[in-house]
């Protein structure tokens, strides 16, 4: 249970979905962002780039 002063953070990378049964639009992360977008106590941040190794970036593209 989230009591007073508690912060809940949901994070993920929609680019790392690796199952044919889930898409970017059916992801649980997308669902949570959509459901909480109008609640005054919530916020959503999309990071446009990250600090990752060349290997990690390449793996994201090809896997």
N, C-alpha and C. Protein backbone atom coordinates (compact mmCIF):
# COMPACT_ATOMS: atom_id res chain seq x y z
N UNK A 1 0.82 -1.19 0.00
CA UNK A 1 0.00 0.00 0.00
C UNK A 1 0.86 1.24 0.00
N UNK A 2 0.45 2.21 -0.74
CA UNK A 2 1.18 3.47 -0.82
C UNK A 2 0.58 4.45 0.18
N UNK A 3 1.31 4.68 1.26
CA UNK A 3 0.85 5.59 2.30
C UNK A 3 1.29 7.01 2.03
N UNK A 4 1.00 7.91 2.99
CA UNK A 4 1.38 9.31 2.84
C UNK A 4 2.88 9.46 2.58
N UNK A 5 3.24 10.30 1.62
CA UNK A 5 4.64 10.55 1.30
C UNK A 5 5.27 9.52 0.37
N UNK A 6 4.54 8.49 0.02
CA UNK A 6 5.07 7.44 -0.84
C UNK A 6 5.10 7.90 -2.29
N UNK A 7 6.13 7.55 -3.00
CA UNK A 7 6.21 7.80 -4.43
C UNK A 7 6.30 6.46 -5.14
N UNK A 8 5.50 6.29 -6.16
CA UNK A 8 5.50 5.07 -6.96
C UNK A 8 6.02 5.43 -8.34
N UNK A 9 7.00 4.69 -8.82
CA UNK A 9 7.60 4.96 -10.12
C UNK A 9 7.44 3.71 -11.00
N UNK A 10 6.86 3.89 -12.16
CA UNK A 10 6.75 2.82 -13.16
C UNK A 10 7.65 3.20 -14.31
N UNK A 11 8.54 2.31 -14.70
CA UNK A 11 9.42 2.65 -15.81
C UNK A 11 9.60 1.45 -16.71
N UNK A 12 9.97 1.74 -17.93
CA UNK A 12 10.18 0.67 -18.88
C UNK A 12 10.64 1.22 -20.21
N UNK A 13 10.90 0.32 -21.13
CA UNK A 13 11.36 0.69 -22.47
C UNK A 13 10.48 -0.05 -23.47
N UNK A 14 9.60 0.67 -24.12
CA UNK A 14 8.70 0.04 -25.08
C UNK A 14 9.44 -0.56 -26.26
N UNK A 15 10.67 -0.13 -26.47
CA UNK A 15 11.48 -0.69 -27.54
C UNK A 15 12.02 -2.07 -27.21
N UNK A 16 11.85 -2.53 -25.98
CA UNK A 16 12.37 -3.83 -25.58
C UNK A 16 11.29 -4.90 -25.46
N UNK A 17 10.12 -4.64 -26.01
CA UNK A 17 9.07 -5.65 -26.01
C UNK A 17 9.52 -6.80 -26.92
N UNK A 18 9.53 -8.01 -26.37
CA UNK A 18 10.05 -9.14 -27.14
C UNK A 18 9.07 -10.30 -27.23
N UNK A 19 7.79 -9.99 -27.21
CA UNK A 19 6.78 -11.03 -27.36
C UNK A 19 5.78 -10.60 -28.44
N UNK A 20 5.29 -11.53 -29.23
CA UNK A 20 4.34 -11.16 -30.28
C UNK A 20 2.95 -10.82 -29.73
N UNK A 21 2.73 -11.05 -28.45
CA UNK A 21 1.41 -10.84 -27.86
C UNK A 21 1.22 -9.45 -27.28
N UNK A 22 2.29 -8.66 -27.19
CA UNK A 22 2.22 -7.32 -26.62
C UNK A 22 2.84 -6.35 -27.62
N UNK A 23 2.21 -5.19 -27.78
CA UNK A 23 2.74 -4.14 -28.64
C UNK A 23 2.94 -2.88 -27.80
N UNK A 24 3.47 -1.84 -28.41
CA UNK A 24 3.63 -0.57 -27.69
C UNK A 24 2.29 -0.04 -27.22
N UNK A 25 1.23 -0.29 -27.95
CA UNK A 25 -0.09 0.23 -27.56
C UNK A 25 -0.81 -0.67 -26.57
N UNK A 26 -0.43 -1.94 -26.47
CA UNK A 26 -1.09 -2.83 -25.51
C UNK A 26 -0.24 -3.09 -24.27
N UNK A 27 0.89 -2.44 -24.17
CA UNK A 27 1.79 -2.61 -23.03
C UNK A 27 1.14 -2.11 -21.74
N UNK A 28 1.44 -2.76 -20.65
CA UNK A 28 0.96 -2.31 -19.34
C UNK A 28 1.48 -0.92 -18.99
N UNK A 29 2.70 -0.61 -19.42
CA UNK A 29 3.26 0.72 -19.17
C UNK A 29 2.43 1.78 -19.88
N UNK A 30 2.09 1.54 -21.13
CA UNK A 30 1.26 2.47 -21.89
C UNK A 30 -0.10 2.63 -21.23
N UNK A 31 -0.66 1.53 -20.75
CA UNK A 31 -1.96 1.55 -20.07
C UNK A 31 -1.92 2.43 -18.83
N UNK A 32 -0.89 2.27 -17.99
CA UNK A 32 -0.77 3.06 -16.76
C UNK A 32 -0.61 4.54 -17.09
N UNK A 33 0.26 4.87 -18.04
CA UNK A 33 0.46 6.27 -18.43
C UNK A 33 -0.86 6.88 -18.89
N UNK A 34 -1.61 6.16 -19.70
CA UNK A 34 -2.88 6.67 -20.21
C UNK A 34 -3.90 6.87 -19.09
N UNK A 35 -4.00 5.93 -18.19
CA UNK A 35 -4.99 6.01 -17.11
C UNK A 35 -4.68 7.09 -16.09
N UNK A 36 -3.41 7.40 -15.88
CA UNK A 36 -3.03 8.39 -14.87
C UNK A 36 -2.77 9.78 -15.44
N UNK A 37 -2.87 9.96 -16.75
CA UNK A 37 -2.47 11.22 -17.38
C UNK A 37 -3.27 12.43 -16.91
N UNK A 38 -4.49 12.25 -16.49
CA UNK A 38 -5.31 13.39 -16.05
C UNK A 38 -5.38 13.55 -14.54
N UNK A 39 -4.64 12.75 -13.81
CA UNK A 39 -4.65 12.85 -12.34
C UNK A 39 -3.61 13.88 -11.93
N UNK A 40 -4.01 14.84 -11.12
CA UNK A 40 -3.13 15.96 -10.76
C UNK A 40 -1.89 15.55 -9.98
N UNK A 41 -1.86 14.36 -9.42
CA UNK A 41 -0.72 13.92 -8.62
C UNK A 41 0.23 13.01 -9.42
N UNK A 42 0.03 12.93 -10.71
CA UNK A 42 0.90 12.07 -11.52
C UNK A 42 1.68 12.90 -12.53
N UNK A 43 2.74 12.30 -13.03
CA UNK A 43 3.56 12.94 -14.06
C UNK A 43 4.10 11.85 -14.98
N UNK A 44 4.46 12.24 -16.17
CA UNK A 44 4.99 11.31 -17.15
C UNK A 44 6.16 11.97 -17.86
N UNK A 45 7.26 11.26 -17.96
CA UNK A 45 8.45 11.77 -18.63
C UNK A 45 8.91 10.76 -19.66
N UNK A 46 9.18 11.22 -20.86
CA UNK A 46 9.75 10.36 -21.90
C UNK A 46 11.17 10.84 -22.18
N UNK A 47 12.12 9.96 -21.99
CA UNK A 47 13.51 10.29 -22.27
C UNK A 47 13.77 10.01 -23.75
N UNK A 48 14.25 10.99 -24.45
CA UNK A 48 14.45 10.86 -25.89
C UNK A 48 15.73 10.10 -26.23
N UNK A 49 16.67 10.09 -25.33
CA UNK A 49 17.89 9.31 -25.54
C UNK A 49 18.44 8.91 -24.19
N UNK A 50 19.28 7.93 -24.19
CA UNK A 50 19.89 7.47 -22.95
C UNK A 50 21.39 7.36 -23.11
N UNK A 51 22.04 7.19 -22.01
CA UNK A 51 23.50 7.00 -22.02
C UNK A 51 23.75 5.50 -21.95
N UNK A 52 23.91 4.90 -23.10
CA UNK A 52 24.12 3.45 -23.17
C UNK A 52 25.36 3.16 -24.00
N UNK A 53 25.85 1.97 -23.85
CA UNK A 53 27.02 1.56 -24.63
C UNK A 53 26.61 1.33 -26.09
N UNK A 54 27.58 1.34 -26.97
CA UNK A 54 27.30 1.04 -28.38
C UNK A 54 26.70 -0.35 -28.52
N UNK A 55 27.17 -1.29 -27.71
CA UNK A 55 26.64 -2.65 -27.77
C UNK A 55 25.16 -2.67 -27.39
N UNK A 56 24.80 -2.00 -26.31
CA UNK A 56 23.40 -1.98 -25.87
C UNK A 56 22.52 -1.31 -26.92
N UNK A 57 22.97 -0.21 -27.50
CA UNK A 57 22.21 0.46 -28.55
C UNK A 57 22.02 -0.45 -29.76
N UNK A 58 23.08 -1.14 -30.15
CA UNK A 58 22.99 -2.04 -31.29
C UNK A 58 22.04 -3.20 -30.99
N UNK A 59 22.14 -3.76 -29.81
CA UNK A 59 21.26 -4.87 -29.43
C UNK A 59 19.79 -4.45 -29.47
N UNK A 60 19.50 -3.23 -29.03
CA UNK A 60 18.12 -2.73 -29.07
C UNK A 60 17.61 -2.66 -30.50
N UNK A 61 18.48 -2.32 -31.43
CA UNK A 61 18.07 -2.20 -32.83
C UNK A 61 17.85 -3.54 -33.51
N UNK A 62 18.67 -4.53 -33.20
CA UNK A 62 18.64 -5.78 -33.96
C UNK A 62 17.92 -6.93 -33.27
N UNK A 63 17.69 -6.83 -31.99
CA UNK A 63 17.05 -7.95 -31.28
C UNK A 63 15.56 -7.74 -31.13
